[in-house]
């Protein structure tokens, strides 16, 4: 069993990672997709309606400032913002960035609810009055706990979930005519720019390609963005805007503070992911040496950068959405139900019996 000390260390590490990533995410998001989001907020807020936003896997509230800025650009004076994460401590830590938060009593959740409001109140951000609610719970089950939202967002989240499950969660959480904003969807490719690490027997491109395979085969990430677009399309979500949002993380003595903080995590990830791909091969020692050289590059005078390919998506939810799948058909909690749900999707895609090629 895990000790309390180990759990605390893991929580602290995740908190530190998200804090370091926040600035890199913010500068990397596609301006074109952000502009498209602003236009959609303007449409949704016409007539003085308060736009309701749900942030899935909100962590330290890394999207909150960007949404407030978009709302202000859209001419909105107020915004309802529900931030959902399985880790309440992360949400509350993120709330620490907003000392002017005026807290109010949280609503009592319904009986048997798996979602627990942990804080609620009002905060002024970029001239917008944001009614903010922090909710501890499963981001993929938000559609079971709340009425559909106007906008559903998930930063650096979509590649961590099987596309069929994500599509179902988005379709249930977002109202017909609404939109889903998915920034920083990892698209699978990582590369190192600048001078080579000069490891005999293993070039930088080969090492980074091995890391990409590790993300899919070991960590179970879903980095095929085109397939994601295809799958969400079956649930009535079409691409309204798409743009690159690559992380470009500088390494070396002259790296900006934000890059130095996040680069430590990026180099750790690569250093842990690359060598095991070569164990049992003639390049095993070279892979370990490559990981060591990458760590050393963080403090060398030479300027390098790690570039991770990401994509931002804005999805429009069709005005007349179909009936959502029932819990039994689509639950991601039970393997048998998930299998039934995925089988039904494959059968639907294949068409009626006898219609195949």
Protein backbone atom coordinates (compact mmCIF):
# COMPACT_ATOMS: atom_id res chain seq x y z
CA UNK A 1 0.00 0.00 0.00
CA UNK A 2 1.07 3.59 -0.62
CA UNK A 3 2.13 5.64 2.38
CA UNK A 4 0.68 9.05 3.20
CA UNK A 5 4.14 10.50 2.57
CA UNK A 6 4.26 9.00 -0.94
CA UNK A 7 0.76 10.28 -1.72
CA UNK A 8 1.68 13.75 -0.50
CA UNK A 9 4.86 13.72 -2.58
CA UNK A 10 2.87 12.73 -5.68
CA UNK A 11 0.33 15.50 -5.06
CA UNK A 12 3.10 18.05 -4.54
CA UNK A 13 4.81 16.95 -7.76
CA UNK A 14 1.61 17.27 -9.78
CA UNK A 15 0.95 20.69 -8.29
CA UNK A 16 4.48 21.83 -9.14
CA UNK A 17 4.17 20.46 -12.70
CA UNK A 18 0.87 22.25 -13.36
CA UNK A 19 2.22 25.48 -11.87
CA UNK A 20 5.26 25.32 -14.17
CA UNK A 21 3.16 24.38 -17.22
CA UNK A 22 0.64 27.19 -16.78
CA UNK A 23 2.76 29.93 -18.38
CA UNK A 24 3.89 27.71 -21.27
CA UNK A 25 0.31 26.65 -22.03
CA UNK A 26 -0.88 30.26 -21.99
CA UNK A 27 1.71 31.48 -24.50
CA UNK A 28 1.30 28.40 -26.73
CA UNK A 29 -2.47 28.44 -27.31
CA UNK A 30 -3.56 29.29 -30.83
CA UNK A 31 -4.62 32.93 -31.20
CA UNK A 32 -6.85 32.05 -34.15
CA UNK A 33 -8.76 29.45 -32.13
CA UNK A 34 -8.95 31.84 -29.16
CA UNK A 35 -10.46 34.48 -31.46
CA UNK A 36 -13.02 31.94 -32.68
CA UNK A 37 -13.88 31.16 -29.05
CA UNK A 38 -14.38 34.87 -28.36
CA UNK A 39 -16.76 35.10 -31.32
CA UNK A 40 -18.76 32.14 -30.00
CA UNK A 41 -18.93 33.70 -26.52
CA UNK A 42 -20.29 36.87 -28.07
CA UNK A 43 -23.02 34.89 -29.85
CA UNK A 44 -23.89 32.89 -26.76
CA UNK A 45 -24.10 36.02 -24.60
CA UNK A 46 -26.40 38.03 -26.85
CA UNK A 47 -29.47 39.30 -25.09
CA UNK A 48 -27.66 39.56 -21.78
CA UNK A 49 -27.64 35.83 -21.11
CA UNK A 50 -25.00 34.66 -18.63
CA UNK A 51 -22.73 32.20 -20.40
CA UNK A 52 -22.11 29.02 -18.40
CA UNK A 53 -18.69 27.40 -18.75
CA UNK A 54 -17.44 24.07 -17.42
CA UNK A 55 -13.70 23.40 -17.22
CA UNK A 56 -12.97 19.66 -17.19
CA UNK A 57 -9.82 18.54 -15.39
CA UNK A 58 -9.33 22.15 -14.34
CA UNK A 59 -6.34 21.49 -12.05
CA UNK A 60 -4.92 24.82 -10.86
CA UNK A 61 -7.44 26.85 -12.91
CA UNK A 62 -4.99 27.44 -15.74
CA UNK A 63 -7.75 28.38 -18.20
CA UNK A 64 -9.63 30.80 -15.99
CA UNK A 65 -7.74 33.98 -16.86
CA UNK A 66 -7.89 33.20 -20.60
CA UNK A 67 -11.65 32.67 -20.43
CA UNK A 68 -12.17 35.93 -18.55
CA UNK A 69 -10.12 37.78 -21.17
CA UNK A 70 -12.13 36.15 -23.98
CA UNK A 71 -15.37 37.06 -22.22
CA UNK A 72 -14.28 40.68 -21.91
CA UNK A 73 -13.31 40.78 -25.60
CA UNK A 74 -16.76 39.36 -26.37
CA UNK A 75 -18.40 42.21 -24.45
CA UNK A 76 -19.60 40.02 -21.57
CA UNK A 77 -19.81 41.54 -18.11
CA UNK A 78 -20.25 38.26 -16.25
CA UNK A 79 -19.52 34.57 -16.57
CA UNK A 80 -20.52 31.43 -14.68
CA UNK A 81 -17.51 29.13 -14.41
CA UNK A 82 -17.57 25.62 -12.95
CA UNK A 83 -14.13 24.04 -12.54
CA UNK A 84 -14.11 20.27 -12.07
CA UNK A 85 -11.18 18.10 -11.02
CA UNK A 86 -10.77 14.83 -9.14
CA UNK A 87 -8.22 16.57 -6.89
CA UNK A 88 -9.90 19.20 -4.69
CA UNK A 89 -6.53 20.28 -3.26
CA UNK A 90 -5.33 21.32 -6.72
CA UNK A 91 -8.43 23.43 -7.30
CA UNK A 92 -8.03 25.14 -3.94
CA UNK A 93 -4.32 25.73 -4.58
CA UNK A 94 -5.21 27.36 -7.88
CA UNK A 95 -7.73 29.53 -6.09
CA UNK A 96 -4.80 30.98 -4.17
CA UNK A 97 -3.89 32.92 -7.33
CA UNK A 98 -7.07 34.98 -6.81
CA UNK A 99 -6.82 36.62 -3.38
CA UNK A 100 -9.85 38.85 -4.12
CA UNK A 101 -12.13 35.79 -4.34
CA UNK A 102 -15.30 36.58 -2.34
CA UNK A 103 -16.43 33.21 -1.02
CA UNK A 104 -20.04 32.20 -0.45
CA UNK A 105 -21.66 29.05 0.87
CA UNK A 106 -21.51 26.09 -1.49
CA UNK A 107 -24.63 24.26 -2.53
CA UNK A 108 -25.36 20.89 -0.96
CA UNK A 109 -24.87 18.20 -3.62
CA UNK A 110 -27.79 15.88 -4.35
CA UNK A 111 -27.86 12.50 -2.57
CA UNK A 112 -25.44 9.93 -4.01
CA UNK A 113 -23.76 12.58 -6.15
CA UNK A 114 -20.11 11.87 -7.00
CA UNK A 115 -19.49 15.60 -7.42
CA UNK A 116 -18.81 17.72 -4.35
CA UNK A 117 -18.61 21.53 -4.50
CA UNK A 118 -15.64 22.60 -2.37
CA UNK A 119 -15.72 26.38 -2.87
CA UNK A 120 -17.89 28.99 -4.56
CA UNK A 121 -17.83 32.73 -4.84
CA UNK A 122 -17.27 35.77 -7.02
CA UNK A 123 -14.01 37.09 -8.43
CA UNK A 124 -13.32 40.00 -10.78
CA UNK A 125 -10.94 39.08 -13.59
CA UNK A 126 -10.10 41.36 -16.52
CA UNK A 127 -13.21 43.43 -15.78
CA UNK A 128 -15.51 40.40 -15.84
CA UNK A 129 -17.51 39.25 -12.81
CA UNK A 130 -16.85 35.51 -12.66
CA UNK A 131 -19.14 33.38 -10.51
CA UNK A 132 -16.68 30.58 -9.78
CA UNK A 133 -17.53 27.15 -8.40
CA UNK A 134 -14.89 24.52 -7.66
CA UNK A 135 -16.15 20.94 -7.82
CA UNK A 136 -14.37 17.76 -6.78
CA UNK A 137 -15.44 14.90 -9.02
CA UNK A 138 -14.94 12.95 -12.23
CA UNK A 139 -14.70 15.31 -15.20
CA UNK A 140 -16.14 12.68 -17.52
CA UNK A 141 -19.37 12.43 -15.51
CA UNK A 142 -20.22 16.14 -15.40
CA UNK A 143 -23.16 15.55 -17.73
CA UNK A 144 -24.76 13.41 -15.04
CA UNK A 145 -24.43 16.06 -12.32
CA UNK A 146 -25.26 19.37 -14.03
CA UNK A 147 -27.57 20.73 -16.73
CA UNK A 148 -25.74 21.10 -20.04
CA UNK A 149 -23.32 24.04 -20.27
CA UNK A 150 -22.95 26.62 -23.03
CA UNK A 151 -19.21 25.97 -23.24
CA UNK A 152 -17.18 22.96 -22.13
CA UNK A 153 -13.41 23.32 -21.97
CA UNK A 154 -10.56 20.91 -21.26
CA UNK A 155 -6.94 22.06 -21.39
CA UNK A 156 -4.24 19.46 -22.16
CA UNK A 157 -6.83 16.77 -21.48
CA UNK A 158 -8.22 15.35 -24.73
CA UNK A 159 -5.19 13.17 -25.52
CA UNK A 160 -5.44 11.49 -22.10
CA UNK A 161 -8.89 9.99 -22.75
CA UNK A 162 -10.08 7.46 -25.33
CA UNK A 163 -11.79 9.53 -28.06
CA UNK A 164 -15.08 7.61 -27.83
CA UNK A 165 -15.32 8.28 -24.09
CA UNK A 166 -14.33 11.92 -24.47
CA UNK A 167 -16.84 12.49 -27.28
CA UNK A 168 -19.62 11.04 -25.17
CA UNK A 169 -18.65 13.17 -22.14
CA UNK A 170 -18.55 16.36 -24.22
CA UNK A 171 -21.85 15.64 -25.96
CA UNK A 172 -23.59 15.11 -22.62
CA UNK A 173 -22.01 18.08 -20.85
CA UNK A 174 -22.52 20.70 -23.59
CA UNK A 175 -25.91 21.95 -24.75
CA UNK A 176 -27.03 21.87 -28.39
CA UNK A 177 -25.74 25.01 -30.08
CA UNK A 178 -22.88 25.33 -27.59
CA UNK A 179 -19.20 24.71 -28.15
CA UNK A 180 -16.25 22.76 -26.73
CA UNK A 181 -12.81 24.32 -26.41
CA UNK A 182 -9.93 21.82 -26.32
CA UNK A 183 -6.55 23.59 -26.23
CA UNK A 184 -3.18 21.83 -26.01
CA UNK A 185 -4.15 18.44 -27.46
CA UNK A 186 -0.85 16.60 -27.91
CA UNK A 187 -0.45 15.45 -31.50
CA UNK A 188 2.28 12.87 -30.89
CA UNK A 189 5.49 14.42 -32.22
CA UNK A 190 8.34 15.70 -30.06
CA UNK A 191 11.65 16.99 -31.39
CA UNK A 192 14.83 18.62 -30.16
CA UNK A 193 16.08 21.73 -31.96
CA UNK A 194 19.51 23.33 -31.84
CA UNK A 195 22.87 21.57 -31.61
CA UNK A 196 22.72 17.78 -31.46
CA UNK A 197 23.34 16.06 -28.15
CA UNK A 198 26.05 14.12 -30.01
CA UNK A 199 25.41 10.69 -28.55
CA UNK A 200 27.17 7.97 -30.51
CA UNK A 201 24.76 5.34 -31.76
CA UNK A 202 21.55 7.31 -31.12
CA UNK A 203 20.54 10.53 -32.85
CA UNK A 204 18.07 12.98 -31.36
CA UNK A 205 15.34 12.18 -33.87
CA UNK A 206 15.44 8.46 -33.10
CA UNK A 207 15.27 9.14 -29.37
CA UNK A 208 12.31 11.51 -29.70
CA UNK A 209 10.48 9.04 -31.94
CA UNK A 210 10.95 6.38 -29.28
CA UNK A 211 9.42 8.75 -26.72
CA UNK A 212 6.38 9.22 -28.96
CA UNK A 213 5.87 5.46 -29.04
CA UNK A 214 6.18 5.30 -25.26
CA UNK A 215 3.39 7.86 -24.86
CA UNK A 216 1.03 5.67 -26.86
CA UNK A 217 2.10 2.14 -25.96
CA UNK A 218 3.11 2.61 -22.32
CA UNK A 219 1.17 5.62 -21.08
CA UNK A 220 -1.89 4.95 -23.21
CA UNK A 221 -2.22 8.45 -24.64
CA UNK A 222 -4.39 9.12 -27.70
CA UNK A 223 -2.41 11.43 -29.95
CA UNK A 224 -4.17 10.94 -33.32
CA UNK A 225 -5.98 14.27 -33.56
CA UNK A 226 -7.58 13.44 -36.91
CA UNK A 227 -9.15 10.34 -35.38
CA UNK A 228 -10.40 12.42 -32.46
CA UNK A 229 -12.05 14.81 -34.91
CA UNK A 230 -13.66 11.86 -36.71
CA UNK A 231 -15.00 10.33 -33.50
CA UNK A 232 -16.46 13.54 -32.05
CA UNK A 233 -18.09 14.17 -35.42
CA UNK A 234 -20.20 11.05 -34.92
CA UNK A 235 -21.64 12.68 -31.80
CA UNK A 236 -22.58 15.89 -33.61
CA UNK A 237 -19.46 17.94 -32.75
CA UNK A 238 -17.82 19.57 -35.76
CA UNK A 239 -14.57 21.53 -35.98
CA UNK A 240 -15.23 25.27 -35.93
CA UNK A 241 -11.56 26.21 -35.60
CA UNK A 242 -8.25 24.39 -35.43
CA UNK A 243 -4.74 25.71 -34.88
CA UNK A 244 -1.26 24.69 -33.78
CA UNK A 245 -0.31 25.24 -30.14
CA UNK A 246 3.14 23.69 -29.97
CA UNK A 247 5.13 23.89 -26.77
CA UNK A 248 8.56 25.39 -27.49
CA UNK A 249 10.57 24.97 -24.30
CA UNK A 250 14.02 26.55 -24.31
CA UNK A 251 16.95 24.73 -22.68
CA UNK A 252 20.28 26.19 -21.60
CA UNK A 253 21.65 28.82 -19.27
CA UNK A 254 19.88 31.65 -21.07
CA UNK A 255 16.44 30.01 -20.96
CA UNK A 256 13.69 32.24 -19.51
CA UNK A 257 12.54 31.39 -16.00
CA UNK A 258 9.26 29.85 -17.20
CA UNK A 259 11.15 27.60 -19.63
CA UNK A 260 13.71 26.60 -17.01
CA UNK A 261 10.94 25.56 -14.58
CA UNK A 262 8.92 23.61 -17.12
CA UNK A 263 12.00 22.31 -18.96
CA UNK A 264 13.01 20.38 -15.84
CA UNK A 265 9.79 18.34 -16.10
CA UNK A 266 10.04 17.94 -19.88
CA UNK A 267 13.59 16.59 -19.63
CA UNK A 268 12.52 14.24 -16.85
CA UNK A 269 9.68 12.88 -19.00
CA UNK A 270 11.98 12.30 -21.96
CA UNK A 271 14.69 10.86 -19.75
CA UNK A 272 12.27 8.36 -18.23
CA UNK A 273 10.49 7.53 -21.48
CA UNK A 274 13.34 7.04 -23.94
CA UNK A 275 15.84 4.57 -22.36
CA UNK A 276 13.35 1.73 -21.68
CA UNK A 277 12.47 1.65 -25.38
CA UNK A 278 16.04 0.50 -26.08
CA UNK A 279 16.57 -1.95 -23.23
CA UNK A 280 17.65 -5.30 -24.60
CA UNK A 281 19.11 -3.70 -27.74
CA UNK A 282 22.59 -2.63 -28.73
CA UNK A 283 21.53 1.00 -28.17
CA UNK A 284 20.57 0.60 -24.50
CA UNK A 285 23.68 2.30 -23.15
CA UNK A 286 23.42 5.06 -25.75
CA UNK A 287 19.81 5.75 -24.71
CA UNK A 288 20.84 6.16 -21.07
CA UNK A 289 23.66 8.44 -22.15
CA UNK A 290 21.21 10.47 -24.27
CA UNK A 291 18.95 11.00 -21.24
CA UNK A 292 21.93 12.19 -19.18
CA UNK A 293 23.07 14.54 -21.94
CA UNK A 294 19.57 16.00 -22.19
CA UNK A 295 19.57 16.79 -18.46
CA UNK A 296 22.99 18.42 -18.79
CA UNK A 297 21.70 20.56 -21.69
CA UNK A 298 19.50 22.47 -19.24
CA UNK A 299 22.54 24.28 -17.82
CA UNK A 300 24.86 24.41 -20.84
CA UNK A 301 25.63 27.65 -22.72
CA UNK A 302 24.33 26.16 -25.99
CA UNK A 303 20.73 27.11 -26.82
CA UNK A 304 18.37 24.23 -27.56
CA UNK A 305 14.64 23.70 -27.34
CA UNK A 306 12.22 20.82 -26.94
CA UNK A 307 9.25 21.23 -29.27
CA UNK A 308 6.08 19.22 -28.60
CA UNK A 309 3.42 19.21 -31.31
CA UNK A 310 0.00 20.27 -29.98
CA UNK A 311 -3.31 21.31 -31.52
CA UNK A 312 -6.13 23.55 -30.26
CA UNK A 313 -9.68 22.64 -31.26
CA UNK A 314 -12.96 24.55 -31.04
CA UNK A 315 -15.88 22.19 -31.62
CA UNK A 316 -19.39 23.35 -32.45
CA UNK A 317 -22.22 21.25 -31.02
CA UNK A 318 -25.01 20.86 -33.54
CA UNK A 319 -28.23 22.67 -32.62
CA UNK A 320 -30.27 19.49 -32.56
CA UNK A 321 -28.18 16.92 -30.72
CA UNK A 322 -29.25 13.30 -30.65
CA UNK A 323 -30.34 11.51 -27.51
CA UNK A 324 -27.40 10.80 -25.20
CA UNK A 325 -26.39 7.23 -24.55
CA UNK A 326 -27.68 5.72 -21.33
CA UNK A 327 -25.35 5.18 -18.39
CA UNK A 328 -25.43 1.42 -18.95
CA UNK A 329 -24.43 1.82 -22.58
CA UNK A 330 -21.61 4.28 -22.15
CA UNK A 331 -20.27 4.13 -18.62
CA UNK A 332 -16.49 4.33 -18.52
CA UNK A 333 -16.58 2.82 -15.05
CA UNK A 334 -17.34 -0.77 -15.99
CA UNK A 335 -15.38 -2.68 -18.58
CA UNK A 336 -18.35 -4.67 -19.80
CA UNK A 337 -20.46 -1.54 -20.35
CA UNK A 338 -17.62 0.26 -22.08
CA UNK A 339 -17.11 -2.70 -24.37
CA UNK A 340 -20.82 -2.70 -25.19
CA UNK A 341 -20.69 1.00 -25.93
CA UNK A 342 -17.66 0.73 -28.21
CA UNK A 343 -19.16 -2.29 -29.96
CA UNK A 344 -22.33 -0.30 -30.62
CA UNK A 345 -20.29 2.54 -32.14
CA UNK A 346 -18.48 0.12 -34.45
CA UNK A 347 -21.78 -1.48 -35.45
CA UNK A 348 -23.27 1.96 -36.16
CA UNK A 349 -20.30 2.92 -38.30
CA UNK A 350 -20.53 -0.36 -40.25
CA UNK A 351 -24.23 0.17 -41.03
CA UNK A 352 -27.04 -2.40 -41.18
CA UNK A 353 -26.16 -6.04 -41.88
CA UNK A 354 -25.64 -6.73 -45.56
CA UNK A 355 -24.66 -3.18 -46.44
CA UNK A 356 -20.91 -3.69 -46.15
CA UNK A 357 -18.56 -4.02 -49.08
